[in-house]
Amino acid sequence: MQADLDRILFDEATIHRRLDELAARISHDYRDRELTVIAILNGSVILMADLLRRIPLPLKLDCLSVASYHGGTKSGGELIFRQVSLPDVAGRHVLILDDILDSGVTLASIREKLEAAGPLSVRICVLLEKKKTRLRAVDPDYVGFQIADEFVVGYGLDYMERYRNLPCIGVLRRDLIAPAA
């Protein structure tokens, strides 16, 4: 599968070093408080497992299943929530965990829904932040890496549900991406 990459942006060791740094910051910021982590499925599963094991705090974990890419390489600007009810976040400190900040649609919509439920605070942590103009304004509190506006896979990020299990993050070869209809 790595042969399908044009190039590797971050290898596994680099990702893990950055997760150590993020975990230290999050642990410091939430010291003496219980944290509720809301992981966005499916992309953040690997990030969630690796990051949360590095955070020695009492925490609750829940997940949201949403879709904005619908099988393509660009967010369509429409977000579909796939569960009946949102996690109970009233009176809690919430950290939204996602794999990538791209258009801003997903994270802005999720943040708004969670803030309406009465949490004490809501912060956002993303593994990757694309340097680009967004459809919705979002300023993440914790960022693993900033990247150019390229289509990346690996470490939870996918193309057509493939490549999530790569231990690195890389740019997918253009010849493997179906042209937009």
N, C-alpha and C. Protein backbone atom coordinates (compact mmCIF):
# COMPACT_ATOMS: atom_id res chain seq x y z
N MET A 1 0.82 -1.21 0.00
CA MET A 1 0.00 0.00 0.00
C MET A 1 0.86 1.26 0.00
N GLN A 2 2.04 1.20 0.63
CA GLN A 2 2.89 2.40 0.63
C GLN A 2 3.35 2.76 -0.78
N ALA A 3 3.34 1.79 -1.68
CA ALA A 3 3.71 2.08 -3.07
C ALA A 3 2.68 2.98 -3.74
N ASP A 4 1.49 3.09 -3.15
CA ASP A 4 0.44 3.96 -3.68
C ASP A 4 0.64 5.43 -3.28
N LEU A 5 1.64 5.68 -2.46
CA LEU A 5 1.90 7.05 -2.01
C LEU A 5 2.89 7.75 -2.94
N ASP A 6 2.60 8.99 -3.22
CA ASP A 6 3.54 9.83 -3.96
C ASP A 6 4.76 10.12 -3.09
N ARG A 7 4.49 10.41 -1.81
CA ARG A 7 5.56 10.62 -0.84
C ARG A 7 4.99 10.53 0.58
N ILE A 8 5.86 10.24 1.52
CA ILE A 8 5.47 10.17 2.93
C ILE A 8 5.74 11.53 3.55
N LEU A 9 4.73 12.07 4.23
CA LEU A 9 4.88 13.34 4.93
C LEU A 9 5.40 13.14 6.35
N PHE A 10 4.82 12.15 7.05
CA PHE A 10 5.19 11.90 8.45
C PHE A 10 5.26 10.40 8.67
N ASP A 11 6.42 9.93 9.14
CA ASP A 11 6.54 8.51 9.44
C ASP A 11 5.99 8.24 10.84
N GLU A 12 5.90 6.97 11.18
CA GLU A 12 5.29 6.57 12.45
C GLU A 12 6.00 7.17 13.66
N ALA A 13 7.32 7.17 13.65
CA ALA A 13 8.07 7.71 14.79
C ALA A 13 7.81 9.21 14.97
N THR A 14 7.74 9.94 13.87
CA THR A 14 7.46 11.39 13.93
C THR A 14 6.06 11.64 14.48
N ILE A 15 5.11 10.85 14.04
CA ILE A 15 3.73 10.99 14.54
C ILE A 15 3.70 10.74 16.04
N HIS A 16 4.35 9.68 16.48
CA HIS A 16 4.32 9.34 17.91
C HIS A 16 5.01 10.40 18.77
N ARG A 17 6.10 10.97 18.28
CA ARG A 17 6.75 12.06 19.03
C ARG A 17 5.80 13.25 19.16
N ARG A 18 5.09 13.56 18.09
CA ARG A 18 4.15 14.70 18.14
C ARG A 18 2.99 14.38 19.08
N LEU A 19 2.53 13.14 19.10
CA LEU A 19 1.45 12.77 20.02
C LEU A 19 1.90 12.91 21.47
N ASP A 20 3.16 12.60 21.75
CA ASP A 20 3.69 12.80 23.11
C ASP A 20 3.57 14.28 23.50
N GLU A 21 3.92 15.17 22.58
CA GLU A 21 3.84 16.61 22.85
C GLU A 21 2.40 17.07 23.04
N LEU A 22 1.51 16.62 22.17
CA LEU A 22 0.09 16.99 22.29
C LEU A 22 -0.49 16.48 23.61
N ALA A 23 -0.18 15.24 23.95
CA ALA A 23 -0.70 14.66 25.19
C ALA A 23 -0.22 15.44 26.41
N ALA A 24 1.03 15.88 26.40
CA ALA A 24 1.56 16.66 27.51
C ALA A 24 0.80 17.98 27.64
N ARG A 25 0.55 18.66 26.53
CA ARG A 25 -0.21 19.92 26.56
C ARG A 25 -1.63 19.72 27.05
N ILE A 26 -2.30 18.70 26.52
CA ILE A 26 -3.68 18.42 26.92
C ILE A 26 -3.73 18.06 28.40
N SER A 27 -2.82 17.22 28.84
CA SER A 27 -2.77 16.82 30.25
C SER A 27 -2.55 18.03 31.15
N HIS A 28 -1.69 18.93 30.74
CA HIS A 28 -1.45 20.15 31.51
C HIS A 28 -2.70 21.03 31.54
N ASP A 29 -3.31 21.24 30.38
CA ASP A 29 -4.47 22.13 30.29
C ASP A 29 -5.69 21.61 31.06
N TYR A 30 -5.81 20.30 31.18
CA TYR A 30 -6.98 19.72 31.87
C TYR A 30 -6.61 19.11 33.22
N ARG A 31 -5.46 19.45 33.76
CA ARG A 31 -5.08 18.90 35.06
C ARG A 31 -6.15 19.21 36.10
N ASP A 32 -6.38 18.29 36.99
CA ASP A 32 -7.39 18.42 38.06
C ASP A 32 -8.82 18.52 37.54
N ARG A 33 -9.05 18.12 36.29
CA ARG A 33 -10.41 18.11 35.74
C ARG A 33 -10.63 16.80 34.99
N GLU A 34 -11.87 16.38 34.96
CA GLU A 34 -12.20 15.22 34.14
C GLU A 34 -12.53 15.70 32.74
N LEU A 35 -12.09 14.94 31.77
CA LEU A 35 -12.22 15.31 30.37
C LEU A 35 -13.17 14.35 29.67
N THR A 36 -14.00 14.87 28.78
CA THR A 36 -14.83 14.04 27.91
C THR A 36 -14.29 14.20 26.50
N VAL A 37 -13.82 13.12 25.94
CA VAL A 37 -13.29 13.12 24.58
C VAL A 37 -14.36 12.60 23.64
N ILE A 38 -14.63 13.37 22.59
CA ILE A 38 -15.57 12.96 21.56
C ILE A 38 -14.76 12.75 20.29
N ALA A 39 -14.57 11.48 19.92
CA ALA A 39 -13.79 11.14 18.73
C ALA A 39 -14.71 11.05 17.52
N ILE A 40 -14.26 11.59 16.41
CA ILE A 40 -15.05 11.59 15.19
C ILE A 40 -14.64 10.36 14.36
N LEU A 41 -15.62 9.50 14.11
CA LEU A 41 -15.38 8.26 13.37
C LEU A 41 -15.46 8.51 11.87
N ASN A 42 -14.76 7.74 11.10
CA ASN A 42 -13.86 6.65 11.43
C ASN A 42 -12.41 7.12 11.47
N GLY A 43 -12.16 8.29 10.94
CA GLY A 43 -10.79 8.74 10.75
C GLY A 43 -9.96 8.90 11.99
N SER A 44 -10.57 9.19 13.13
CA SER A 44 -9.77 9.47 14.32
C SER A 44 -9.53 8.25 15.20
N VAL A 45 -9.92 7.07 14.78
CA VAL A 45 -9.80 5.88 15.64
C VAL A 45 -8.35 5.60 16.03
N ILE A 46 -7.45 5.62 15.09
CA ILE A 46 -6.04 5.33 15.40
C ILE A 46 -5.45 6.45 16.24
N LEU A 47 -5.71 7.68 15.86
CA LEU A 47 -5.28 8.83 16.66
C LEU A 47 -5.82 8.73 18.08
N MET A 48 -7.09 8.42 18.22
CA MET A 48 -7.72 8.31 19.54
C MET A 48 -7.00 7.30 20.40
N ALA A 49 -6.77 6.11 19.87
CA ALA A 49 -6.13 5.06 20.66
C ALA A 49 -4.73 5.46 21.08
N ASP A 50 -3.95 5.99 20.16
CA ASP A 50 -2.56 6.33 20.47
C ASP A 50 -2.45 7.56 21.37
N LEU A 51 -3.28 8.57 21.15
CA LEU A 51 -3.21 9.79 21.96
C LEU A 51 -3.73 9.56 23.37
N LEU A 52 -4.88 8.93 23.50
CA LEU A 52 -5.49 8.80 24.83
C LEU A 52 -4.67 7.94 25.78
N ARG A 53 -3.92 6.99 25.26
CA ARG A 53 -3.04 6.19 26.13
C ARG A 53 -1.92 7.03 26.71
N ARG A 54 -1.68 8.20 26.16
CA ARG A 54 -0.61 9.09 26.62
C ARG A 54 -1.13 10.16 27.59
N ILE A 55 -2.43 10.18 27.84
CA ILE A 55 -3.03 11.21 28.70
C ILE A 55 -3.45 10.58 30.02
N PRO A 56 -2.69 10.83 31.11
CA PRO A 56 -2.96 10.19 32.40
C PRO A 56 -4.01 10.96 33.23
N LEU A 57 -5.16 11.18 32.64
CA LEU A 57 -6.24 11.90 33.31
C LEU A 57 -7.50 11.05 33.35
N PRO A 58 -8.38 11.31 34.32
CA PRO A 58 -9.68 10.64 34.24
C PRO A 58 -10.44 11.20 33.03
N LEU A 59 -10.95 10.32 32.22
CA LEU A 59 -11.69 10.80 31.07
C LEU A 59 -12.81 9.85 30.68
N LYS A 60 -13.77 10.42 29.99
CA LYS A 60 -14.84 9.64 29.39
C LYS A 60 -14.64 9.73 27.89
N LEU A 61 -15.03 8.68 27.20
CA LEU A 61 -14.85 8.64 25.76
C LEU A 61 -16.17 8.32 25.10
N ASP A 62 -16.46 9.06 24.05
CA ASP A 62 -17.62 8.77 23.22
C ASP A 62 -17.21 9.05 21.78
N CYS A 63 -18.02 8.61 20.85
CA CYS A 63 -17.71 8.79 19.44
C CYS A 63 -18.93 9.34 18.71
N LEU A 64 -18.66 10.09 17.67
CA LEU A 64 -19.70 10.54 16.75
C LEU A 64 -19.37 10.00 15.37
N SER A 65 -20.39 9.54 14.69
CA SER A 65 -20.21 9.08 13.32
C SER A 65 -20.87 10.09 12.41
N VAL A 66 -20.06 10.73 11.58
CA VAL A 66 -20.55 11.74 10.64
C VAL A 66 -19.92 11.47 9.27
N ALA A 67 -20.51 12.05 8.25
CA ALA A 67 -19.96 11.92 6.90
C ALA A 67 -20.02 13.27 6.21
N SER A 68 -18.90 13.65 5.59
CA SER A 68 -18.90 14.88 4.79
C SER A 68 -18.21 14.68 3.45
N TYR A 69 -17.40 13.61 3.30
CA TYR A 69 -16.70 13.39 2.04
C TYR A 69 -17.49 12.53 1.06
N HIS A 70 -18.32 11.63 1.57
CA HIS A 70 -19.19 10.79 0.74
C HIS A 70 -18.43 10.08 -0.38
N GLY A 71 -17.23 9.58 -0.07
CA GLY A 71 -16.47 8.77 -1.01
C GLY A 71 -15.53 9.54 -1.92
N GLY A 72 -15.55 10.85 -1.88
CA GLY A 72 -14.68 11.64 -2.75
C GLY A 72 -13.44 12.13 -2.04
N THR A 73 -12.83 13.16 -2.61
CA THR A 73 -11.61 13.71 -2.03
C THR A 73 -11.83 15.10 -1.47
N LYS A 74 -13.02 15.65 -1.63
CA LYS A 74 -13.34 16.97 -1.09
C LYS A 74 -14.65 16.91 -0.34
N SER A 75 -14.72 17.65 0.76
CA SER A 75 -15.95 17.73 1.53
C SER A 75 -17.00 18.45 0.70
N GLY A 76 -18.21 17.89 0.69
CA GLY A 76 -19.28 18.49 -0.09
C GLY A 76 -19.97 19.65 0.59
N GLY A 77 -19.58 19.96 1.82
CA GLY A 77 -20.20 21.06 2.54
C GLY A 77 -21.44 20.65 3.29
N GLU A 78 -21.84 19.40 3.17
CA GLU A 78 -23.02 18.89 3.89
C GLU A 78 -22.55 17.82 4.86
N LEU A 79 -23.02 17.92 6.10
CA LEU A 79 -22.62 16.96 7.13
C LEU A 79 -23.82 16.12 7.53
N ILE A 80 -23.62 14.81 7.56
CA ILE A 80 -24.67 13.89 7.96
C ILE A 80 -24.27 13.25 9.28
N PHE A 81 -25.12 13.43 10.32
CA PHE A 81 -24.91 12.76 11.60
C PHE A 81 -25.56 11.39 11.52
N ARG A 82 -24.82 10.35 11.91
CA ARG A 82 -25.31 8.99 11.73
C ARG A 82 -25.88 8.36 13.00
N GLN A 83 -26.01 9.10 14.08
CA GLN A 83 -26.59 8.52 15.29
C GLN A 83 -27.82 9.30 15.71
N VAL A 84 -28.64 8.65 16.51
CA VAL A 84 -29.92 9.25 16.91
C VAL A 84 -29.71 10.39 17.90
N SER A 85 -28.82 10.20 18.87
CA SER A 85 -28.62 11.23 19.88
C SER A 85 -27.13 11.54 20.05
N LEU A 86 -26.87 12.74 20.52
CA LEU A 86 -25.49 13.16 20.79
C LEU A 86 -25.05 12.68 22.16
N PRO A 87 -23.75 12.58 22.39
CA PRO A 87 -23.26 12.22 23.73
C PRO A 87 -23.69 13.27 24.75
N ASP A 88 -23.85 12.84 25.99
CA ASP A 88 -24.21 13.75 27.08
C ASP A 88 -22.97 14.52 27.50
N VAL A 89 -22.95 15.82 27.20
CA VAL A 89 -21.79 16.66 27.51
C VAL A 89 -22.13 17.79 28.47
N ALA A 90 -23.35 17.85 28.94
CA ALA A 90 -23.77 18.94 29.83
C ALA A 90 -22.88 18.98 31.07
N GLY A 91 -22.35 20.18 31.36
CA GLY A 91 -21.52 20.37 32.54
C GLY A 91 -20.16 19.71 32.47
N ARG A 92 -19.69 19.37 31.28
CA ARG A 92 -18.42 18.65 31.13
C ARG A 92 -17.43 19.46 30.28
N HIS A 93 -16.15 19.18 30.48
CA HIS A 93 -15.10 19.73 29.62
C HIS A 93 -14.93 18.76 28.45
N VAL A 94 -15.13 19.26 27.24
CA VAL A 94 -15.16 18.41 26.05
C VAL A 94 -13.97 18.70 25.15
N LEU A 95 -13.36 17.63 24.67
CA LEU A 95 -12.32 17.72 23.66
C LEU A 95 -12.78 16.93 22.45
N ILE A 96 -13.00 17.62 21.33
CA ILE A 96 -13.36 16.97 20.08
C ILE A 96 -12.05 16.54 19.41
N LEU A 97 -12.00 15.29 18.99
CA LEU A 97 -10.80 14.72 18.41
C LEU A 97 -11.10 14.30 16.98
N ASP A 98 -10.38 14.87 16.01
CA ASP A 98 -10.60 14.52 14.61
C ASP A 98 -9.27 14.34 13.89
N ASP A 99 -9.31 13.63 12.78
CA ASP A 99 -8.09 13.34 12.04
C ASP A 99 -7.57 14.55 11.27
N ILE A 100 -8.49 15.33 10.63
CA ILE A 100 -8.02 16.40 9.76
C ILE A 100 -9.01 17.55 9.74
N LEU A 101 -8.47 18.76 9.74
CA LEU A 101 -9.27 19.97 9.54
C LEU A 101 -9.04 20.40 8.11
N ASP A 102 -10.11 20.31 7.31
CA ASP A 102 -10.03 20.61 5.89
C ASP A 102 -10.95 21.78 5.58
N SER A 103 -12.20 21.52 5.26
CA SER A 103 -13.15 22.59 4.91
C SER A 103 -13.68 23.32 6.14
N GLY A 104 -13.62 22.67 7.30
CA GLY A 104 -14.17 23.24 8.53
C GLY A 104 -15.62 22.87 8.76
N VAL A 105 -16.28 22.30 7.76
CA VAL A 105 -17.70 21.97 7.87
C VAL A 105 -17.96 20.97 9.01
N THR A 106 -17.22 19.89 9.03
CA THR A 106 -17.43 18.86 10.04
C THR A 106 -17.24 19.41 11.45
N LEU A 107 -16.10 19.98 11.72
CA LEU A 107 -15.80 20.43 13.07
C LEU A 107 -16.66 21.60 13.52
N ALA A 108 -16.98 22.53 12.65
CA ALA A 108 -17.85 23.65 13.03
C ALA A 108 -19.25 23.14 13.37
N SER A 109 -19.77 22.22 12.58
CA SER A 109 -21.11 21.68 12.84
C SER A 109 -21.16 20.89 14.14
N ILE A 110 -20.15 20.07 14.37
CA ILE A 110 -20.11 19.27 15.60
C ILE A 110 -19.96 20.18 16.82
N ARG A 111 -19.06 21.14 16.73
CA ARG A 111 -18.86 22.08 17.84
C ARG A 111 -20.17 22.78 18.18
N GLU A 112 -20.88 23.29 17.19
CA GLU A 112 -22.15 23.98 17.43
C GLU A 112 -23.17 23.07 18.12
N LYS A 113 -23.29 21.84 17.64
CA LYS A 113 -24.25 20.91 18.26
C LYS A 113 -23.87 20.61 19.71
N LEU A 114 -22.59 20.39 19.96
CA LEU A 114 -22.16 20.08 21.33
C LEU A 114 -22.29 21.30 22.24
N GLU A 115 -21.95 22.48 21.75
CA GLU A 115 -22.07 23.69 22.58
C GLU A 115 -23.52 23.95 22.97
N ALA A 116 -24.46 23.58 22.14
CA ALA A 116 -25.88 23.76 22.45
C ALA A 116 -26.33 22.84 23.59
N ALA A 117 -25.54 21.82 23.90
CA ALA A 117 -25.90 20.86 24.95
C ALA A 117 -25.38 21.27 26.33
N GLY A 118 -24.74 22.44 26.44
CA GLY A 118 -24.35 22.98 27.74
C GLY A 118 -23.09 22.44 28.38
N PRO A 119 -22.01 22.23 27.62
CA PRO A 119 -20.75 21.81 28.26
C PRO A 119 -20.09 22.99 28.97
N LEU A 120 -19.15 22.70 29.87
CA LEU A 120 -18.37 23.75 30.51
C LEU A 120 -17.40 24.38 29.52
N SER A 121 -16.83 23.56 28.65
CA SER A 121 -15.90 24.05 27.64
C SER A 121 -15.87 23.06 26.48
N VAL A 122 -15.48 23.58 25.31
CA VAL A 122 -15.28 22.73 24.13
C VAL A 122 -13.99 23.17 23.45
N ARG A 123 -13.08 22.23 23.30
CA ARG A 123 -11.85 22.46 22.55
C ARG A 123 -11.75 21.42 21.45
N ILE A 124 -10.87 21.70 20.49
CA ILE A 124 -10.72 20.83 19.33
C ILE A 124 -9.25 20.43 19.18
N CYS A 125 -9.03 19.14 18.93
CA CYS A 125 -7.71 18.61 18.64
C CYS A 125 -7.77 17.89 17.29
N VAL A 126 -6.87 18.25 16.38
CA VAL A 126 -6.79 17.58 15.09
C VAL A 126 -5.36 17.10 14.86
N LEU A 127 -5.25 15.98 14.20
CA LEU A 127 -3.92 15.49 13.85
C LEU A 127 -3.31 16.35 12.75
N LEU A 128 -4.14 16.70 11.74
CA LEU A 128 -3.67 17.49 10.62
C LEU A 128 -4.55 18.70 10.40
N GLU A 129 -3.92 19.82 10.07
CA GLU A 129 -4.64 21.03 9.70
C GLU A 129 -4.14 21.46 8.33
N LYS A 130 -5.05 21.44 7.34
CA LYS A 130 -4.67 21.91 6.01
C LYS A 130 -4.60 23.42 5.99
N LYS A 131 -3.54 23.95 5.38
CA LYS A 131 -3.39 25.39 5.21
C LYS A 131 -4.20 25.78 3.97
N LYS A 132 -5.40 26.29 4.20
CA LYS A 132 -6.29 26.65 3.11
C LYS A 132 -7.43 27.52 3.61
N THR A 133 -8.15 28.12 2.70
CA THR A 133 -9.36 28.86 3.05
C THR A 133 -10.46 27.84 3.34
N ARG A 134 -11.21 28.06 4.41
CA ARG A 134 -12.23 27.10 4.83
C ARG A 134 -13.64 27.59 4.49
N LEU A 135 -14.55 26.63 4.32
CA LEU A 135 -15.96 26.96 4.13
C LEU A 135 -16.57 27.45 5.44
N ARG A 136 -16.09 26.93 6.58
CA ARG A 136 -16.54 27.33 7.92
C ARG A 136 -15.31 27.63 8.76
N ALA A 137 -15.37 28.69 9.54
CA ALA A 137 -14.23 29.09 10.38
C ALA A 137 -14.09 28.14 11.57
N VAL A 138 -12.91 27.60 11.73
CA VAL A 138 -12.59 26.73 12.87
C VAL A 138 -11.14 26.98 13.24
N ASP A 139 -10.91 27.23 14.53
CA ASP A 139 -9.55 27.38 15.03
C ASP A 139 -9.29 26.28 16.05
N PRO A 140 -8.57 25.23 15.65
CA PRO A 140 -8.32 24.14 16.59
C PRO A 140 -7.39 24.59 17.72
N ASP A 141 -7.59 24.00 18.89
CA ASP A 141 -6.78 24.32 20.06
C ASP A 141 -5.47 23.52 20.08
N TYR A 142 -5.52 22.34 19.49
CA TYR A 142 -4.35 21.45 19.45
C TYR A 142 -4.21 20.92 18.03
N VAL A 143 -3.02 21.07 17.45
CA VAL A 143 -2.77 20.63 16.08
C VAL A 143 -1.50 19.77 16.06
N GLY A 144 -1.62 18.59 15.48
CA GLY A 144 -0.45 17.75 15.33
C GLY A 144 0.51 18.32 14.30
N PHE A 145 0.03 18.47 13.07
CA PHE A 145 0.85 18.96 11.97
C PHE A 145 0.02 19.83 11.05
N GLN A 146 0.65 20.85 10.48
CA GLN A 146 0.03 21.61 9.40
C GLN A 146 0.56 21.06 8.09
N ILE A 147 -0.36 20.96 7.11
CA ILE A 147 0.04 20.43 5.81
C ILE A 147 -0.52 21.32 4.70
N ALA A 148 0.05 21.15 3.51
CA ALA A 148 -0.47 21.84 2.33
C ALA A 148 -1.82 21.21 1.96
N ASP A 149 -2.51 21.84 1.05
CA ASP A 149 -3.82 21.35 0.60
C ASP A 149 -3.62 20.21 -0.41
N GLU A 150 -3.27 19.03 0.12
CA GLU A 150 -3.06 17.83 -0.67
C GLU A 150 -3.92 16.72 -0.11
N PHE A 151 -4.19 15.71 -0.92
CA PHE A 151 -5.00 14.60 -0.43
C PHE A 151 -4.09 13.56 0.22
N VAL A 152 -4.28 13.37 1.52
CA VAL A 152 -3.41 12.49 2.30
C VAL A 152 -4.19 11.29 2.84
N VAL A 153 -3.44 10.22 3.05
CA VAL A 153 -4.00 8.98 3.60
C VAL A 153 -3.04 8.42 4.63
N GLY A 154 -3.54 7.46 5.39
CA GLY A 154 -2.73 6.77 6.38
C GLY A 154 -3.03 7.26 7.78
N TYR A 155 -2.68 6.43 8.75
CA TYR A 155 -2.88 6.75 10.16
C TYR A 155 -4.33 7.18 10.44
N GLY A 156 -5.27 6.46 9.84
CA GLY A 156 -6.69 6.72 10.04
C GLY A 156 -7.35 7.42 8.87
N LEU A 157 -6.59 8.15 8.10
CA LEU A 157 -7.15 8.86 6.94
C LEU A 157 -7.28 7.90 5.76
N ASP A 158 -8.38 8.05 5.02
CA ASP A 158 -8.65 7.08 3.97
C ASP A 158 -8.95 7.71 2.63
N TYR A 159 -8.94 6.86 1.63
CA TYR A 159 -9.53 7.16 0.33
C TYR A 159 -10.37 5.94 -0.02
N MET A 160 -11.66 6.15 -0.17
CA MET A 160 -12.60 5.07 -0.47
C MET A 160 -12.47 3.92 0.56
N GLU A 161 -12.30 4.29 1.83
CA GLU A 161 -12.17 3.37 2.97
C GLU A 161 -10.90 2.52 2.94
N ARG A 162 -9.92 2.89 2.14
CA ARG A 162 -8.64 2.18 2.10
C ARG A 162 -7.55 3.06 2.69
N TYR A 163 -6.46 2.46 3.08
CA TYR A 163 -5.23 3.12 3.55
C TYR A 163 -5.26 3.56 5.01
N ARG A 164 -6.37 3.41 5.72
CA ARG A 164 -6.44 3.85 7.12
C ARG A 164 -5.35 3.20 7.97
N ASN A 165 -5.00 1.96 7.65
CA ASN A 165 -4.09 1.19 8.49
C ASN A 165 -2.61 1.43 8.18
N LEU A 166 -2.30 2.34 7.27
CA LEU A 166 -0.88 2.68 7.07
C LEU A 166 -0.35 3.34 8.35
N PRO A 167 0.86 3.00 8.77
CA PRO A 167 1.41 3.59 10.00
C PRO A 167 1.97 4.99 9.81
N CYS A 168 1.96 5.47 8.59
CA CYS A 168 2.49 6.80 8.25
C CYS A 168 1.38 7.62 7.61
N ILE A 169 1.68 8.90 7.34
CA ILE A 169 0.76 9.76 6.60
C ILE A 169 1.48 10.18 5.33
N GLY A 170 0.80 9.96 4.20
CA GLY A 170 1.42 10.30 2.94
C GLY A 170 0.43 10.85 1.94
N VAL A 171 0.97 11.42 0.88
CA VAL A 171 0.16 11.97 -0.21
C VAL A 171 -0.14 10.84 -1.18
N LEU A 172 -1.41 10.62 -1.44
CA LEU A 172 -1.83 9.56 -2.36
C LEU A 172 -1.49 9.97 -3.80
N ARG A 173 -0.98 9.02 -4.57
CA ARG A 173 -0.66 9.29 -5.97
C ARG A 173 -1.92 9.75 -6.72
N ARG A 174 -1.78 10.77 -7.50
CA ARG A 174 -2.92 11.35 -8.25
C ARG A 174 -3.57 10.34 -9.20
N ASP A 175 -2.78 9.46 -9.79
CA ASP A 175 -3.33 8.51 -10.75
C ASP A 175 -4.26 7.49 -10.10
N LEU A 176 -4.26 7.42 -8.78
CA LEU A 176 -5.14 6.49 -8.06
C LEU A 176 -6.44 7.15 -7.60
N ILE A 177 -6.55 8.45 -7.79
CA ILE A 177 -7.74 9.17 -7.37
C ILE A 177 -8.67 9.33 -8.56
N ALA A 178 -9.90 8.85 -8.39
CA ALA A 178 -10.89 8.95 -9.48
C ALA A 178 -11.22 10.42 -9.74
N PRO A 179 -11.34 10.80 -11.00
CA PRO A 179 -11.71 12.17 -11.31
C PRO A 179 -13.09 12.51 -10.75
N ALA A 180 -13.25 13.75 -10.27
CA ALA A 180 -14.54 14.18 -9.72
C ALA A 180 -15.57 14.23 -10.84
N ALA A 181 -16.77 13.78 -10.52
CA ALA A 181 -17.84 13.74 -11.53
C ALA A 181 -18.44 15.12 -11.74
